C-alpha atoms as a PDB file:
ATOM      1  CA  UNK A   1       0.000   0.000   0.000  1.00  0.00           C
ATOM      2  CA  UNK A   2       1.372   3.394  -1.005  1.00  0.00           C
ATOM      3  CA  UNK A   3       1.405   5.846   1.900  1.00  0.00           C
ATOM      4  CA  UNK A   4       1.158   8.818  -0.437  1.00  0.00           C
ATOM      5  CA  UNK A   5      -1.800   9.882  -2.459  1.00  0.00           C
ATOM      6  CA  UNK A   6      -1.924  11.532  -5.821  1.00  0.00           C
ATOM      7  CA  UNK A   7      -5.254  13.177  -5.077  1.00  0.00           C
ATOM      8  CA  UNK A   8      -4.724  13.796  -1.334  1.00  0.00           C
ATOM      9  CA  UNK A   9      -6.936  10.976  -0.195  1.00  0.00           C
ATOM     10  CA  UNK A  10      -4.970   8.172   1.461  1.00  0.00           C
ATOM     11  CA  UNK A  11      -5.310   4.782  -0.177  1.00  0.00           C
ATOM     12  CA  UNK A  12      -7.834   3.647   2.427  1.00  0.00           C
ATOM     13  CA  UNK A  13     -10.374   6.002   0.840  1.00  0.00           C
ATOM     14  CA  UNK A  14     -11.694   9.388   1.917  1.00  0.00           C
ATOM     15  CA  UNK A  15     -12.103   8.491   5.601  1.00  0.00           C
ATOM     16  CA  UNK A  16      -8.769   9.946   6.855  1.00  0.00           C
ATOM     17  CA  UNK A  17      -9.455  13.060   4.783  1.00  0.00           C
ATOM     18  CA  UNK A  18     -12.609  13.498   6.865  1.00  0.00           C
ATOM     19  CA  UNK A  19     -10.759  13.485  10.212  1.00  0.00           C
ATOM     20  CA  UNK A  20      -9.651  16.696  11.862  1.00  0.00           C
ATOM     21  CA  UNK A  21      -7.913  17.883  14.978  1.00  0.00           C
ATOM     22  CA  UNK A  22      -9.352  20.618  17.144  1.00  0.00           C
ATOM     23  CA  UNK A  23      -7.049  22.271  19.682  1.00  0.00           C
ATOM     24  CA  UNK A  24     -10.050  22.457  22.043  1.00  0.00           C
ATOM     25  CA  UNK A  25     -11.829  19.141  21.301  1.00  0.00           C
ATOM     26  CA  UNK A  26      -9.059  16.787  20.091  1.00  0.00           C
ATOM     27  CA  UNK A  27      -9.613  14.399  17.176  1.00  0.00           C
ATOM     28  CA  UNK A  28     -12.956  14.967  15.482  1.00  0.00           C
ATOM     29  CA  UNK A  29     -14.794  13.776  12.396  1.00  0.00           C
ATOM     30  CA  UNK A  30     -16.305  16.037   9.765  1.00  0.00           C
ATOM     31  CA  UNK A  31     -19.739  15.512  11.370  1.00  0.00           C
ATOM     32  CA  UNK A  32     -18.345  16.595  14.717  1.00  0.00           C
ATOM     33  CA  UNK A  33     -16.702  19.652  13.127  1.00  0.00           C
ATOM     34  CA  UNK A  34     -20.110  20.677  11.793  1.00  0.00           C
ATOM     35  CA  UNK A  35     -21.774  20.119  15.180  1.00  0.00           C
ATOM     36  CA  UNK A  36     -19.057  22.017  17.074  1.00  0.00           C
ATOM     37  CA  UNK A  37     -19.283  24.959  14.682  1.00  0.00           C
ATOM     38  CA  UNK A  38     -23.081  25.012  14.981  1.00  0.00           C
ATOM     39  CA  UNK A  39     -22.823  24.998  18.793  1.00  0.00           C
ATOM     40  CA  UNK A  40     -20.190  27.728  18.713  1.00  0.00           C
ATOM     41  CA  UNK A  41     -22.383  29.981  16.581  1.00  0.00           C
ATOM     42  CA  UNK A  42     -25.435  29.265  18.769  1.00  0.00           C
ATOM     43  CA  UNK A  43     -23.516  30.657  21.772  1.00  0.00           C
ATOM     44  CA  UNK A  44     -23.724  34.108  20.177  1.00  0.00           C
ATOM     45  CA  UNK A  45     -26.386  33.988  17.458  1.00  0.00           C
ATOM     46  CA  UNK A  46     -26.173  37.741  16.852  1.00  0.00           C
ATOM     47  CA  UNK A  47     -22.401  37.633  16.475  1.00  0.00           C
ATOM     48  CA  UNK A  48     -20.675  38.414  13.210  1.00  0.00           C
ATOM     49  CA  UNK A  49     -18.848  35.389  11.786  1.00  0.00           C
ATOM     50  CA  UNK A  50     -16.558  34.563   8.928  1.00  0.00           C
ATOM     51  CA  UNK A  51     -15.426  31.196   7.654  1.00  0.00           C
ATOM     52  CA  UNK A  52     -11.763  30.911   6.722  1.00  0.00           C
ATOM     53  CA  UNK A  53     -10.037  28.016   4.975  1.00  0.00           C
ATOM     54  CA  UNK A  54      -6.268  28.044   4.548  1.00  0.00           C
ATOM     55  CA  UNK A  55      -3.645  25.496   3.577  1.00  0.00           C
ATOM     56  CA  UNK A  56       0.098  25.540   4.087  1.00  0.00           C
ATOM     57  CA  UNK A  57       2.786  22.958   3.350  1.00  0.00           C
ATOM     58  CA  UNK A  58       6.233  21.955   4.463  1.00  0.00           C
ATOM     59  CA  UNK A  59       8.560  19.777   2.404  1.00  0.00           C
ATOM     60  CA  UNK A  60      11.336  17.523   3.605  1.00  0.00           C
ATOM     61  CA  UNK A  61      13.379  14.978   1.675  1.00  0.00           C
ATOM     62  CA  UNK A  62      10.795  12.311   2.486  1.00  0.00           C
ATOM     63  CA  UNK A  63       7.445  14.054   2.098  1.00  0.00           C
ATOM     64  CA  UNK A  64       5.416  17.202   1.728  1.00  0.00           C
ATOM     65  CA  UNK A  65       2.969  17.665   4.539  1.00  0.00           C
ATOM     66  CA  UNK A  66      -0.113  19.758   3.848  1.00  0.00           C
ATOM     67  CA  UNK A  67      -2.187  21.232   6.655  1.00  0.00           C
ATOM     68  CA  UNK A  68      -5.599  22.649   5.890  1.00  0.00           C
ATOM     69  CA  UNK A  69      -7.322  24.686   8.581  1.00  0.00           C
ATOM     70  CA  UNK A  70     -10.980  25.572   9.003  1.00  0.00           C
ATOM     71  CA  UNK A  71     -11.441  28.653  11.138  1.00  0.00           C
ATOM     72  CA  UNK A  72     -14.816  29.913  12.275  1.00  0.00           C
ATOM     73  CA  UNK A  73     -14.026  33.434  13.374  1.00  0.00           C
ATOM     74  CA  UNK A  74     -16.445  35.241  15.658  1.00  0.00           C
ATOM     75  CA  UNK A  75     -15.273  38.704  14.693  1.00  0.00           C
ATOM     76  CA  UNK A  76     -13.812  40.490  17.693  1.00  0.00           C
ATOM     77  CA  UNK A  77     -14.585  37.573  20.009  1.00  0.00           C
ATOM     78  CA  UNK A  78     -12.324  34.640  19.171  1.00  0.00           C
ATOM     79  CA  UNK A  79     -12.416  31.641  16.895  1.00  0.00           C
ATOM     80  CA  UNK A  80     -12.577  27.865  16.678  1.00  0.00           C
ATOM     81  CA  UNK A  81      -9.953  26.044  14.653  1.00  0.00           C
ATOM     82  CA  UNK A  82     -10.008  22.620  13.051  1.00  0.00           C
ATOM     83  CA  UNK A  83      -7.204  21.241  10.900  1.00  0.00           C
ATOM     84  CA  UNK A  84      -6.187  18.136   9.026  1.00  0.00           C
ATOM     85  CA  UNK A  85      -2.810  16.921   7.898  1.00  0.00           C
ATOM     86  CA  UNK A  86      -2.180  15.078   4.644  1.00  0.00           C
ATOM     87  CA  UNK A  87       1.163  13.666   3.664  1.00  0.00           C
ATOM     88  CA  UNK A  88       2.187  13.548  -0.010  1.00  0.00           C
ATOM     89  CA  UNK A  89       5.300  12.575  -1.890  1.00  0.00           C
ATOM     90  CA  UNK A  90       7.797  15.453  -1.836  1.00  0.00           C
ATOM     91  CA  UNK A  91       6.884  18.445  -3.988  1.00  0.00           C
ATOM     92  CA  UNK A  92       9.917  20.675  -4.217  1.00  0.00           C
ATOM     93  CA  UNK A  93       8.728  23.120  -6.865  1.00  0.00           C
ATOM     94  CA  UNK A  94       7.116  26.098  -5.128  1.00  0.00           C
ATOM     95  CA  UNK A  95       4.578  26.872  -7.888  1.00  0.00           C
ATOM     96  CA  UNK A  96       3.307  23.289  -7.842  1.00  0.00           C
ATOM     97  CA  UNK A  97       3.002  23.332  -4.026  1.00  0.00           C
ATOM     98  CA  UNK A  98       1.074  26.632  -4.048  1.00  0.00           C
ATOM     99  CA  UNK A  99      -1.367  25.229  -6.629  1.00  0.00           C
ATOM    100  CA  UNK A 100      -1.839  22.103  -4.484  1.00  0.00           C
ATOM    101  CA  UNK A 101      -2.434  24.220  -1.374  1.00  0.00           C
ATOM    102  CA  UNK A 102      -5.075  26.223  -3.226  1.00  0.00           C
ATOM    103  CA  UNK A 103      -6.667  23.080  -4.609  1.00  0.00           C
ATOM    104  CA  UNK A 104      -6.848  21.489  -1.164  1.00  0.00           C
ATOM    105  CA  UNK A 105      -8.547  24.549   0.333  1.00  0.00           C
ATOM    106  CA  UNK A 106     -11.135  24.587  -2.463  1.00  0.00           C
ATOM    107  CA  UNK A 107     -11.652  20.815  -2.166  1.00  0.00           C
ATOM    108  CA  UNK A 108     -12.360  21.229   1.538  1.00  0.00           C
ATOM    109  CA  UNK A 109     -14.990  23.893   0.804  1.00  0.00           C
ATOM    110  CA  UNK A 110     -16.691  21.482  -1.596  1.00  0.00           C
ATOM    111  CA  UNK A 111     -16.500  18.699   0.978  1.00  0.00           C
ATOM    112  CA  UNK A 112     -18.121  20.955   3.581  1.00  0.00           C
ATOM    113  CA  UNK A 113     -20.973  21.604   1.160  1.00  0.00           C
ATOM    114  CA  UNK A 114     -21.365  17.867   0.474  1.00  0.00           C
ATOM    115  CA  UNK A 115     -21.519  17.196   4.200  1.00  0.00           C
ATOM    116  CA  UNK A 116     -24.543  19.421   4.715  1.00  0.00           C
ATOM    117  CA  UNK A 117     -22.706  22.530   5.825  1.00  0.00           C
ATOM    118  CA  UNK A 118     -24.350  24.660   3.137  1.00  0.00           C
ATOM    119  CA  UNK A 119     -26.851  26.407   5.434  1.00  0.00           C
ATOM    120  CA  UNK A 120     -24.068  27.766   7.625  1.00  0.00           C
ATOM    121  CA  UNK A 121     -21.903  28.628   4.637  1.00  0.00           C
ATOM    122  CA  UNK A 122     -24.647  30.803   3.166  1.00  0.00           C
ATOM    123  CA  UNK A 123     -24.867  32.978   6.293  1.00  0.00           C
ATOM    124  CA  UNK A 124     -21.303  34.286   6.439  1.00  0.00           C
ATOM    125  CA  UNK A 125     -18.495  35.389   4.180  1.00  0.00           C
ATOM    126  CA  UNK A 126     -16.167  32.606   3.075  1.00  0.00           C
ATOM    127  CA  UNK A 127     -12.504  33.441   2.714  1.00  0.00           C
ATOM    128  CA  UNK A 128      -9.810  31.264   1.205  1.00  0.00           C
ATOM    129  CA  UNK A 129      -6.454  32.293   2.640  1.00  0.00           C
ATOM    130  CA  UNK A 130      -3.528  31.743   0.301  1.00  0.00           C
ATOM    131  CA  UNK A 131       0.065  31.454   1.433  1.00  0.00           C
ATOM    132  CA  UNK A 132       1.286  33.914  -1.200  1.00  0.00           C
ATOM    133  CA  UNK A 133       2.369  37.514  -0.989  1.00  0.00           C
ATOM    134  CA  UNK A 134       3.811  40.405  -2.929  1.00  0.00           C
ATOM    135  CA  UNK A 135       7.271  39.701  -1.506  1.00  0.00           C
ATOM    136  CA  UNK A 136       9.325  36.622  -2.367  1.00  0.00           C
ATOM    137  CA  UNK A 137       8.891  33.909  -4.964  1.00  0.00           C
ATOM    138  CA  UNK A 138       5.160  33.403  -4.400  1.00  0.00           C
ATOM    139  CA  UNK A 139       4.386  36.801  -5.938  1.00  0.00           C
ATOM    140  CA  UNK A 140       4.678  35.122  -9.355  1.00  0.00           C
ATOM    141  CA  UNK A 141       1.534  33.048  -8.797  1.00  0.00           C
ATOM    142  CA  UNK A 142      -0.689  35.559  -6.970  1.00  0.00           C
ATOM    143  CA  UNK A 143      -2.775  36.502  -9.992  1.00  0.00           C
ATOM    144  CA  UNK A 144      -3.342  32.864 -10.957  1.00  0.00           C
ATOM    145  CA  UNK A 145      -4.414  31.490  -7.570  1.00  0.00           C
ATOM    146  CA  UNK A 146      -6.439  34.567  -6.594  1.00  0.00           C
ATOM    147  CA  UNK A 147      -8.208  34.366  -9.965  1.00  0.00           C
ATOM    148  CA  UNK A 148      -8.918  30.670  -9.413  1.00  0.00           C
ATOM    149  CA  UNK A 149     -10.435  31.260  -5.952  1.00  0.00           C
ATOM    150  CA  UNK A 150     -12.534  34.264  -6.974  1.00  0.00           C
ATOM    151  CA  UNK A 151     -13.763  32.523 -10.129  1.00  0.00           C
ATOM    152  CA  UNK A 152     -15.463  29.871  -7.989  1.00  0.00           C
ATOM    153  CA  UNK A 153     -17.109  32.502  -5.792  1.00  0.00           C
ATOM    154  CA  UNK A 154     -14.949  32.914  -2.704  1.00  0.00           C
ATOM    155  CA  UNK A 155     -13.004  35.806  -1.241  1.00  0.00           C
ATOM    156  CA  UNK A 156      -9.249  35.323  -1.673  1.00  0.00           C
ATOM    157  CA  UNK A 157      -6.833  36.752   0.884  1.00  0.00           C
ATOM    158  CA  UNK A 158      -3.052  36.982   0.476  1.00  0.00           C
ATOM    159  CA  UNK A 159      -0.267  37.944   2.864  1.00  0.00           C
ATOM    160  CA  UNK A 160      -0.321  39.831   5.147  1.00  0.00           C
ATOM    161  CA  UNK A 161      -4.086  39.185   5.468  1.00  0.00           C
ATOM    162  CA  UNK A 162      -4.015  35.412   4.930  1.00  0.00           C
ATOM    163  CA  UNK A 163      -3.622  34.326   8.556  1.00  0.00           C
ATOM    164  CA  UNK A 164      -5.554  31.099   7.916  1.00  0.00           C
ATOM    165  CA  UNK A 165      -2.683  29.793   5.791  1.00  0.00           C
ATOM    166  CA  UNK A 166       0.346  31.820   6.842  1.00  0.00           C
ATOM    167  CA  UNK A 167      -0.227  31.615  10.613  1.00  0.00           C
ATOM    168  CA  UNK A 168      -2.769  28.961  11.607  1.00  0.00           C
ATOM    169  CA  UNK A 169      -2.049  26.185   9.073  1.00  0.00           C
ATOM    170  CA  UNK A 170       1.648  27.073   9.080  1.00  0.00           C
ATOM    171  CA  UNK A 171       1.819  26.414  12.811  1.00  0.00           C
ATOM    172  CA  UNK A 172       0.888  22.739  12.310  1.00  0.00           C
ATOM    173  CA  UNK A 173       3.128  22.002   9.297  1.00  0.00           C
ATOM    174  CA  UNK A 174       6.360  22.172  11.262  1.00  0.00           C
ATOM    175  CA  UNK A 175       6.368  18.553  12.402  1.00  0.00           C
ATOM    176  CA  UNK A 176       6.536  16.143   9.494  1.00  0.00           C
ATOM    177  CA  UNK A 177       5.869  12.706  10.904  1.00  0.00           C
END
């Protein structure tokens, strides 16, 4: 059995793709993520929320580890974070990795819709945070990935405003296991 996936789903099927880690609740399934987000928003039903998805990656000689974070941000009053890690064969070319990060964030949005999250998604702005900025090598792909995200109907954020990818997801990519 190959431990890497070409489409980000481990060979066992989509099940591991559906598992997340919550810093407050531990290991959770996609159903539990939905329930926890619903409960969180019910705590302050008049609060202003935004949904943020961001992916970051870290490459070693052995693998590239992608971390995709879901952040439900209660504006001015905190957030709940859920993330998943997916290991892939090493991707050393930066452009290719940025495209994969973008693809994984968009795939997660589609998965959330498939899992019945649509009602919540319609209520609040959805932002896809991209780990690209006007400084450094990633500036060469900004127009392409921002265009991709906006063409499917989401708000795209880049550095320094892309905390979902450049801070939250980045925090969990540092340990490649």
